[in-house]
Structures are given as structure tokens and as C-alpha cells.
Amino acid sequence: MSDRRTVKSHLPNHPTQLYFIRHGEVEERYHKVFGGSRIDMALSPLGLKQGQAVADWLKDTPMDALYASPMLRVQQTLSPMARQQNLQPELMSGLREIDFGDWTGSRWDEVQANFGVSAFDWLEIIESNGIPHGEGVQSIKMRVQDCLLQILHAHPHQRVAVFCHGGIIRVMISLLLEVPLAHMAHFNIEYGSISMVELLPERKHAVEIELLNFQPPV
């Protein structure tokens, strides 16, 4: 991406807290399956409980705004918190999950047999545009960056919850930290987890991860 489009060069001159929340566990038939943006799956019973657990854990942390992917699993996850905090989420198409192309519907253990690569290298493969008919890495970064910048500039000095997907949370963190997407393989982002990033532009290191992959107890 060119310097003109880097997140860092467009950061607003104010502190902001972003809570990145991954949707809860999906229905059992899609466990360890690459669903991405093409399969609009629902949550499992545990996933629904995880959405409530997120709302309960953040009940004393009032949010100024909620943003979310339009996909069903995300909508079901955020519903308890939206009711509890009396906020209407703003849906952003750019926060939908990554399109896994020909991998869609494949189980993790099937990717090696069907495509000759390890599914555990998925971030590295995405960064090299290696998934047949999958979404290009520049397209992913641009749409997610557009969402990030819109959120940041709309909420000076505020606290914002962003409900979305594991892949998208990794993209957002990689953009904010200005590190390769493949390096996000070091960060686990579980179902129903909360990660919080604070932007402090007066500091040399303007982006600080205050919380990573915390799963409130169900």
C-alpha cells in the first residue's frame, strides 16, 4: 500500500479506544471449516452464550458507538450488548469476513489434500494472494482500512466496540501496528474474545494493545 493510504499517516490527533470483538462459536457443522464471507452461518448455543458473556463483562464500560460486520454470526453476537447499552450498531460491509475463494467449505484438514498447502499458513498464503479465486490482500487491507479510518475520525476521545471476525481483527491490528499480515499468526483470536487497542497520538508509539484475545467466562 502506498504511504498515502497508511493508517498511521491518517490517525486523528486524539486518544481513542477500540474494542475488537470476535463473534462467538459458530454452529457445529462449520467447526474448522473455511466459511469466510460466502457462508452466512449462525452461532452455536455456546456462541450465543459467549455474546451474552461479552455484554456482561463490558456492562460497566459504556461504549459511544458500535460498528459491526453485517454477517449473521456477528449480528447474533452483538445483540445482547446492543440491547444492554441501548445502542444501534452501524453495519459496515468492509468488516465482513475474508473471501476464502476455492477454500470455502473446506475443512482445515482438507486444505492440504485439496490444495497442497497447510491451512495453518493461511495468513501467509493470503498475503501472497495464494488462495485460488480468493480475495486479494490489497482489497482486504483497503476495505478494512477505510472502515478503521471512518470509525477513528467519527469518534474523537471516545470508546468504540467493533464486532467482526477473526481474520478482520488480525487485519486491523496489522494495519495499526504496520506489520505484515502473516505476523498476525502469532496472535490467537478466539471465538467471543475481546481485544482492546488504545490510540495515543502524543506518544512515540501511538498504538498500544491493552488487551488481547480475552474470553469472558461463560
C-alpha atoms as a PDB file:
ATOM      1  CA  MET A   1       0.000   0.000   0.000  1.00  0.00           C
ATOM      2  CA  SER A   2       1.261   3.497  -0.724  1.00  0.00           C
ATOM      3  CA  ASP A   3       2.159   5.923   2.051  1.00  0.00           C
ATOM      4  CA  ARG A   4      -0.893   7.977   1.123  1.00  0.00           C
ATOM      5  CA  ARG A   5      -3.130   5.188   2.375  1.00  0.00           C
ATOM      6  CA  THR A   6      -1.328   4.159   5.554  1.00  0.00           C
ATOM      7  CA  VAL A   7      -3.374   4.214   8.727  1.00  0.00           C
ATOM      8  CA  LYS A   8      -0.600   5.894  10.703  1.00  0.00           C
ATOM      9  CA  SER A   9      -0.474   8.934   8.448  1.00  0.00           C
ATOM     10  CA  HIS A  10      -4.230   9.392   8.840  1.00  0.00           C
ATOM     11  CA  LEU A  11      -4.548   8.848  12.600  1.00  0.00           C
ATOM     12  CA  PRO A  12      -6.622  11.569  14.271  1.00  0.00           C
ATOM     13  CA  ASN A  13      -4.965  13.809  16.826  1.00  0.00           C
ATOM     14  CA  HIS A  14      -6.843  12.424  19.818  1.00  0.00           C
ATOM     15  CA  PRO A  15      -6.861   9.328  22.040  1.00  0.00           C
ATOM     16  CA  THR A  16      -9.383   6.649  21.144  1.00  0.00           C
ATOM     17  CA  GLN A  17     -10.147   3.178  22.478  1.00  0.00           C
ATOM     18  CA  LEU A  18     -11.182   0.452  20.052  1.00  0.00           C
ATOM     19  CA  TYR A  19     -12.620  -2.818  21.350  1.00  0.00           C
ATOM     20  CA  PHE A  20     -12.314  -5.527  18.698  1.00  0.00           C
ATOM     21  CA  ILE A  21     -14.765  -8.347  19.446  1.00  0.00           C
ATOM     22  CA  ARG A  22     -14.827 -11.601  17.500  1.00  0.00           C
ATOM     23  CA  HIS A  23     -18.153 -13.338  17.019  1.00  0.00           C
ATOM     24  CA  GLY A  24     -18.982 -16.365  19.158  1.00  0.00           C
ATOM     25  CA  GLU A  25     -18.578 -20.019  18.277  1.00  0.00           C
ATOM     26  CA  VAL A  26     -20.409 -20.982  15.084  1.00  0.00           C
ATOM     27  CA  GLU A  27     -22.806 -23.877  14.591  1.00  0.00           C
ATOM     28  CA  GLU A  28     -21.124 -27.267  14.863  1.00  0.00           C
ATOM     29  CA  ARG A  29     -21.266 -28.236  11.183  1.00  0.00           C
ATOM     30  CA  TYR A  30     -18.942 -25.311  10.407  1.00  0.00           C
ATOM     31  CA  HIS A  31     -16.309 -26.014  13.047  1.00  0.00           C
ATOM     32  CA  LYS A  32     -12.814 -25.849  11.496  1.00  0.00           C
ATOM     33  CA  VAL A  33     -14.351 -25.005   8.118  1.00  0.00           C
ATOM     34  CA  PHE A  34     -13.323 -22.030   5.981  1.00  0.00           C
ATOM     35  CA  GLY A  35     -16.643 -20.200   5.745  1.00  0.00           C
ATOM     36  CA  GLY A  36     -15.416 -16.677   5.174  1.00  0.00           C
ATOM     37  CA  SER A  37     -17.786 -14.203   3.585  1.00  0.00           C
ATOM     38  CA  ARG A  38     -19.540 -16.754   1.394  1.00  0.00           C
ATOM     39  CA  ILE A  39     -21.216 -18.806   4.166  1.00  0.00           C
ATOM     40  CA  ASP A  40     -23.522 -16.798   6.416  1.00  0.00           C
ATOM     41  CA  MET A  41     -23.534 -19.274   9.304  1.00  0.00           C
ATOM     42  CA  ALA A  42     -25.281 -18.909  12.643  1.00  0.00           C
ATOM     43  CA  LEU A  43     -23.929 -19.266  16.166  1.00  0.00           C
ATOM     44  CA  SER A  44     -23.927 -22.443  18.219  1.00  0.00           C
ATOM     45  CA  PRO A  45     -25.639 -22.484  21.634  1.00  0.00           C
ATOM     46  CA  LEU A  46     -22.214 -21.799  23.184  1.00  0.00           C
ATOM     47  CA  GLY A  47     -21.681 -18.938  20.729  1.00  0.00           C
ATOM     48  CA  LEU A  48     -24.898 -17.286  21.887  1.00  0.00           C
ATOM     49  CA  LYS A  49     -23.715 -17.575  25.490  1.00  0.00           C
ATOM     50  CA  GLN A  50     -20.402 -16.023  24.518  1.00  0.00           C
ATOM     51  CA  GLY A  51     -22.216 -12.998  23.098  1.00  0.00           C
ATOM     52  CA  GLN A  52     -24.017 -12.567  26.417  1.00  0.00           C
ATOM     53  CA  ALA A  53     -20.738 -13.015  28.305  1.00  0.00           C
ATOM     54  CA  VAL A  54     -19.151 -10.200  26.281  1.00  0.00           C
ATOM     55  CA  ALA A  55     -22.085  -7.913  27.099  1.00  0.00           C
ATOM     56  CA  ASP A  56     -21.944  -8.812  30.803  1.00  0.00           C
ATOM     57  CA  TRP A  57     -18.184  -8.258  31.049  1.00  0.00           C
ATOM     58  CA  LEU A  58     -18.465  -4.836  29.373  1.00  0.00           C
ATOM     59  CA  LYS A  59     -21.637  -3.721  31.147  1.00  0.00           C
ATOM     60  CA  ASP A  60     -19.719  -1.163  33.225  1.00  0.00           C
ATOM     61  CA  THR A  61     -17.721   0.008  30.198  1.00  0.00           C
ATOM     62  CA  PRO A  62     -20.122   2.265  28.304  1.00  0.00           C
ATOM     63  CA  MET A  63     -19.495   2.470  24.583  1.00  0.00           C
ATOM     64  CA  ASP A  64     -20.037   5.565  22.493  1.00  0.00           C
ATOM     65  CA  ALA A  65     -20.721   3.553  19.336  1.00  0.00           C
ATOM     66  CA  LEU A  66     -20.993   0.029  17.953  1.00  0.00           C
ATOM     67  CA  TYR A  67     -19.805  -0.972  14.495  1.00  0.00           C
ATOM     68  CA  ALA A  68     -20.229  -4.402  13.003  1.00  0.00           C
ATOM     69  CA  SER A  69     -19.935  -6.771  10.101  1.00  0.00           C
ATOM     70  CA  PRO A  70     -23.348  -7.449   8.549  1.00  0.00           C
ATOM     71  CA  MET A  71     -22.895 -11.242   8.753  1.00  0.00           C
ATOM     72  CA  LEU A  72     -25.364 -13.266  10.862  1.00  0.00           C
ATOM     73  CA  ARG A  73     -22.828 -14.712  13.296  1.00  0.00           C
ATOM     74  CA  VAL A  74     -21.675 -11.207  14.178  1.00  0.00           C
ATOM     75  CA  GLN A  75     -25.192  -9.815  14.484  1.00  0.00           C
ATOM     76  CA  GLN A  76     -26.147 -12.581  16.892  1.00  0.00           C
ATOM     77  CA  THR A  77     -23.032 -11.957  18.982  1.00  0.00           C
ATOM     78  CA  LEU A  78     -23.538  -8.222  19.368  1.00  0.00           C
ATOM     79  CA  SER A  79     -27.289  -8.362  20.066  1.00  0.00           C
ATOM     80  CA  PRO A  80     -27.010  -8.658  23.884  1.00  0.00           C
ATOM     81  CA  MET A  81     -24.578  -5.757  24.141  1.00  0.00           C
ATOM     82  CA  ALA A  82     -26.591  -3.549  21.784  1.00  0.00           C
ATOM     83  CA  ARG A  83     -29.676  -4.090  23.975  1.00  0.00           C
ATOM     84  CA  GLN A  84     -27.777  -3.653  27.216  1.00  0.00           C
ATOM     85  CA  GLN A  85     -26.095  -0.411  26.153  1.00  0.00           C
ATOM     86  CA  ASN A  86     -29.089   0.828  24.143  1.00  0.00           C
ATOM     87  CA  LEU A  87     -27.008   1.411  21.036  1.00  0.00           C
ATOM     88  CA  GLN A  88     -27.884   0.849  17.392  1.00  0.00           C
ATOM     89  CA  PRO A  89     -24.940  -0.794  15.623  1.00  0.00           C
ATOM     90  CA  GLU A  90     -23.724   0.689  12.369  1.00  0.00           C
ATOM     91  CA  LEU A  91     -23.156  -2.077   9.842  1.00  0.00           C
ATOM     92  CA  MET A  92     -20.110  -1.824   7.597  1.00  0.00           C
ATOM     93  CA  SER A  93     -19.748  -4.109   4.602  1.00  0.00           C
ATOM     94  CA  GLY A  94     -15.994  -3.617   4.785  1.00  0.00           C
ATOM     95  CA  LEU A  95     -15.931  -5.525   8.092  1.00  0.00           C
ATOM     96  CA  ARG A  96     -17.276  -8.745   6.565  1.00  0.00           C
ATOM     97  CA  GLU A  97     -15.012 -11.775   6.779  1.00  0.00           C
ATOM     98  CA  ILE A  98     -12.349 -12.543   4.164  1.00  0.00           C
ATOM     99  CA  ASP A  99     -13.493 -14.311   0.989  1.00  0.00           C
ATOM    100  CA  PHE A 100     -11.633 -17.627   1.001  1.00  0.00           C
ATOM    101  CA  GLY A 101     -12.385 -18.385  -2.636  1.00  0.00           C
ATOM    102  CA  ASP A 102     -11.981 -22.050  -3.550  1.00  0.00           C
ATOM    103  CA  TRP A 103     -11.174 -22.911   0.060  1.00  0.00           C
ATOM    104  CA  THR A 104     -14.743 -22.032   1.070  1.00  0.00           C
ATOM    105  CA  GLY A 105     -16.453 -25.020   2.648  1.00  0.00           C
ATOM    106  CA  SER A 106     -13.208 -26.961   3.094  1.00  0.00           C
ATOM    107  CA  ARG A 107     -12.188 -28.241   6.487  1.00  0.00           C
ATOM    108  CA  TRP A 108      -8.752 -27.263   7.751  1.00  0.00           C
ATOM    109  CA  ASP A 109      -7.552 -30.853   7.379  1.00  0.00           C
ATOM    110  CA  GLU A 110      -8.811 -30.965   3.775  1.00  0.00           C
ATOM    111  CA  VAL A 111      -6.850 -27.962   2.536  1.00  0.00           C
ATOM    112  CA  GLN A 112      -3.563 -29.887   2.358  1.00  0.00           C
ATOM    113  CA  ALA A 113      -5.113 -32.707   0.310  1.00  0.00           C
ATOM    114  CA  ASN A 114      -7.132 -30.437  -1.962  1.00  0.00           C
ATOM    115  CA  PHE A 115      -4.723 -27.524  -2.458  1.00  0.00           C
ATOM    116  CA  GLY A 116      -1.290 -28.806  -1.441  1.00  0.00           C
ATOM    117  CA  VAL A 117      -0.710 -26.256   1.322  1.00  0.00           C
ATOM    118  CA  SER A 118      -1.141 -26.165   5.081  1.00  0.00           C
ATOM    119  CA  ALA A 119      -4.233 -24.351   6.326  1.00  0.00           C
ATOM    120  CA  PHE A 120      -2.162 -23.217   9.309  1.00  0.00           C
ATOM    121  CA  ASP A 121      -0.258 -20.939   6.906  1.00  0.00           C
ATOM    122  CA  TRP A 122      -3.466 -19.195   5.840  1.00  0.00           C
ATOM    123  CA  LEU A 123      -2.340 -15.662   6.697  1.00  0.00           C
ATOM    124  CA  GLU A 124       0.917 -16.042   4.809  1.00  0.00           C
ATOM    125  CA  ILE A 125      -0.967 -17.553   1.859  1.00  0.00           C
ATOM    126  CA  ILE A 126      -3.463 -14.686   1.831  1.00  0.00           C
ATOM    127  CA  GLU A 127      -0.640 -12.143   1.914  1.00  0.00           C
ATOM    128  CA  SER A 128       0.825 -13.742  -1.217  1.00  0.00           C
ATOM    129  CA  ASN A 129      -2.620 -13.955  -2.901  1.00  0.00           C
ATOM    130  CA  GLY A 130      -2.269 -17.725  -2.892  1.00  0.00           C
ATOM    131  CA  ILE A 131      -5.890 -18.832  -2.394  1.00  0.00           C
ATOM    132  CA  PRO A 132      -7.463 -19.686  -5.779  1.00  0.00           C
ATOM    133  CA  HIS A 133     -10.243 -17.195  -6.554  1.00  0.00           C
ATOM    134  CA  GLY A 134      -9.844 -15.751  -3.065  1.00  0.00           C
ATOM    135  CA  GLU A 135      -9.969 -12.101  -2.120  1.00  0.00           C
ATOM    136  CA  GLY A 136      -6.767 -10.218  -2.894  1.00  0.00           C
ATOM    137  CA  VAL A 137      -4.751  -8.958   0.039  1.00  0.00           C
ATOM    138  CA  GLN A 138      -4.786  -5.345  -1.186  1.00  0.00           C
ATOM    139  CA  SER A 139      -8.572  -5.430  -1.476  1.00  0.00           C
ATOM    140  CA  ILE A 140      -8.856  -6.753   2.078  1.00  0.00           C
ATOM    141  CA  LYS A 141      -6.488  -4.148   3.501  1.00  0.00           C
ATOM    142  CA  MET A 142      -8.117  -1.259   1.671  1.00  0.00           C
ATOM    143  CA  ARG A 143     -11.669  -2.063   2.726  1.00  0.00           C
ATOM    144  CA  VAL A 144     -10.678  -2.684   6.347  1.00  0.00           C
ATOM    145  CA  GLN A 145      -8.515   0.445   6.443  1.00  0.00           C
ATOM    146  CA  ASP A 146     -11.390   2.526   5.088  1.00  0.00           C
ATOM    147  CA  CYS A 147     -13.579   1.251   7.944  1.00  0.00           C
ATOM    148  CA  LEU A 148     -10.896   1.932  10.552  1.00  0.00           C
ATOM    149  CA  LEU A 149     -10.321   5.487   9.403  1.00  0.00           C
ATOM    150  CA  GLN A 150     -14.038   6.228   9.233  1.00  0.00           C
ATOM    151  CA  ILE A 151     -14.508   4.967  12.795  1.00  0.00           C
ATOM    152  CA  LEU A 152     -11.493   6.819  14.169  1.00  0.00           C
ATOM    153  CA  HIS A 153     -12.398  10.168  12.657  1.00  0.00           C
ATOM    154  CA  ALA A 154     -16.044   9.883  13.721  1.00  0.00           C
ATOM    155  CA  HIS A 155     -15.307   9.307  17.414  1.00  0.00           C
ATOM    156  CA  PRO A 156     -12.759  11.694  18.914  1.00  0.00           C
ATOM    157  CA  HIS A 157     -11.890  10.864  22.547  1.00  0.00           C
ATOM    158  CA  GLN A 158     -14.409   8.025  22.536  1.00  0.00           C
ATOM    159  CA  ARG A 159     -14.711   4.315  23.193  1.00  0.00           C
ATOM    160  CA  VAL A 160     -15.938   2.174  20.307  1.00  0.00           C
ATOM    161  CA  ALA A 161     -16.791  -1.530  20.005  1.00  0.00           C
ATOM    162  CA  VAL A 162     -16.150  -3.212  16.655  1.00  0.00           C
ATOM    163  CA  PHE A 163     -17.791  -6.627  16.275  1.00  0.00           C
ATOM    164  CA  CYS A 164     -16.425  -8.682  13.412  1.00  0.00           C
ATOM    165  CA  HIS A 165     -14.314 -11.735  12.512  1.00  0.00           C
ATOM    166  CA  GLY A 166     -11.009 -13.305  13.482  1.00  0.00           C
ATOM    167  CA  GLY A 167      -9.424 -12.606  10.125  1.00  0.00           C
ATOM    168  CA  ILE A 168     -10.583  -8.997  10.088  1.00  0.00           C
ATOM    169  CA  ILE A 169      -9.362  -8.321  13.637  1.00  0.00           C
ATOM    170  CA  ARG A 170      -5.930  -9.557  12.576  1.00  0.00           C
ATOM    171  CA  VAL A 171      -6.019  -7.263   9.545  1.00  0.00           C
ATOM    172  CA  MET A 172      -6.949  -4.260  11.709  1.00  0.00           C
ATOM    173  CA  ILE A 173      -4.152  -4.932  14.184  1.00  0.00           C
ATOM    174  CA  SER A 174      -1.624  -5.453  11.394  1.00  0.00           C
ATOM    175  CA  LEU A 175      -2.638  -2.128   9.827  1.00  0.00           C
ATOM    176  CA  LEU A 176      -2.444  -0.247  13.122  1.00  0.00           C
ATOM    177  CA  LEU A 177       0.929  -1.741  14.062  1.00  0.00           C
ATOM    178  CA  GLU A 178       2.209  -1.528  10.478  1.00  0.00           C
ATOM    179  CA  VAL A 179       3.444  -5.125  10.465  1.00  0.00           C
ATOM    180  CA  PRO A 180       2.917  -7.821   7.807  1.00  0.00           C
ATOM    181  CA  LEU A 181      -0.366  -9.673   7.987  1.00  0.00           C
ATOM    182  CA  ALA A 182       1.497 -13.002   8.146  1.00  0.00           C
ATOM    183  CA  HIS A 183       2.944 -11.936  11.526  1.00  0.00           C
ATOM    184  CA  MET A 184      -0.575 -11.950  12.970  1.00  0.00           C
ATOM    185  CA  ALA A 185      -0.296 -15.747  13.094  1.00  0.00           C
ATOM    186  CA  HIS A 186       1.470 -15.137  16.421  1.00  0.00           C
ATOM    187  CA  PHE A 187      -1.775 -13.697  17.848  1.00  0.00           C
ATOM    188  CA  ASN A 188      -4.650 -16.048  18.601  1.00  0.00           C
ATOM    189  CA  ILE A 189      -8.124 -14.532  18.292  1.00  0.00           C
ATOM    190  CA  GLU A 190     -10.664 -16.938  19.808  1.00  0.00           C
ATOM    191  CA  TYR A 191     -14.429 -17.048  19.449  1.00  0.00           C
ATOM    192  CA  GLY A 192     -16.123 -14.483  21.674  1.00  0.00           C
ATOM    193  CA  SER A 193     -12.843 -12.745  22.510  1.00  0.00           C
ATOM    194  CA  ILE A 194     -12.175  -9.085  23.234  1.00  0.00           C
ATOM    195  CA  SER A 195      -9.032  -7.229  22.180  1.00  0.00           C
ATOM    196  CA  MET A 196      -8.575  -3.553  23.006  1.00  0.00           C
ATOM    197  CA  VAL A 197      -6.300  -1.092  21.234  1.00  0.00           C
ATOM    198  CA  GLU A 198      -5.679   2.412  22.518  1.00  0.00           C
ATOM    199  CA  LEU A 199      -4.514   5.179  20.226  1.00  0.00           C
ATOM    200  CA  LEU A 200      -2.356   7.776  21.977  1.00  0.00           C
ATOM    201  CA  PRO A 201      -1.036  10.117  19.284  1.00  0.00           C
ATOM    202  CA  GLU A 202       1.073  12.188  21.702  1.00  0.00           C
ATOM    203  CA  ARG A 203       3.344   9.186  22.280  1.00  0.00           C
ATOM    204  CA  LYS A 204       6.096   7.871  20.036  1.00  0.00           C
ATOM    205  CA  HIS A 205       4.341   4.518  19.900  1.00  0.00           C
ATOM    206  CA  ALA A 206       0.852   5.810  19.184  1.00  0.00           C
ATOM    207  CA  VAL A 207      -0.829   2.402  19.096  1.00  0.00           C
ATOM    208  CA  GLU A 208      -0.881   0.274  22.242  1.00  0.00           C
ATOM    209  CA  ILE A 209      -2.540  -3.118  22.683  1.00  0.00           C
ATOM    210  CA  GLU A 210      -4.100  -3.028  26.141  1.00  0.00           C
ATOM    211  CA  LEU A 211      -5.976  -6.342  25.916  1.00  0.00           C
ATOM    212  CA  LEU A 212      -5.604  -9.263  23.529  1.00  0.00           C
ATOM    213  CA  ASN A 213      -7.810 -12.310  22.970  1.00  0.00           C
ATOM    214  CA  PHE A 214      -9.584 -12.177  26.342  1.00  0.00           C
ATOM    215  CA  GLN A 215     -12.586 -14.521  26.514  1.00  0.00           C
ATOM    216  CA  PRO A 216     -15.045 -13.511  29.228  1.00  0.00           C
ATOM    217  CA  PRO A 217     -16.127 -16.599  31.172  1.00  0.00           C
ATOM    218  CA  VAL A 218     -19.427 -18.098  30.079  1.00  0.00           C
END
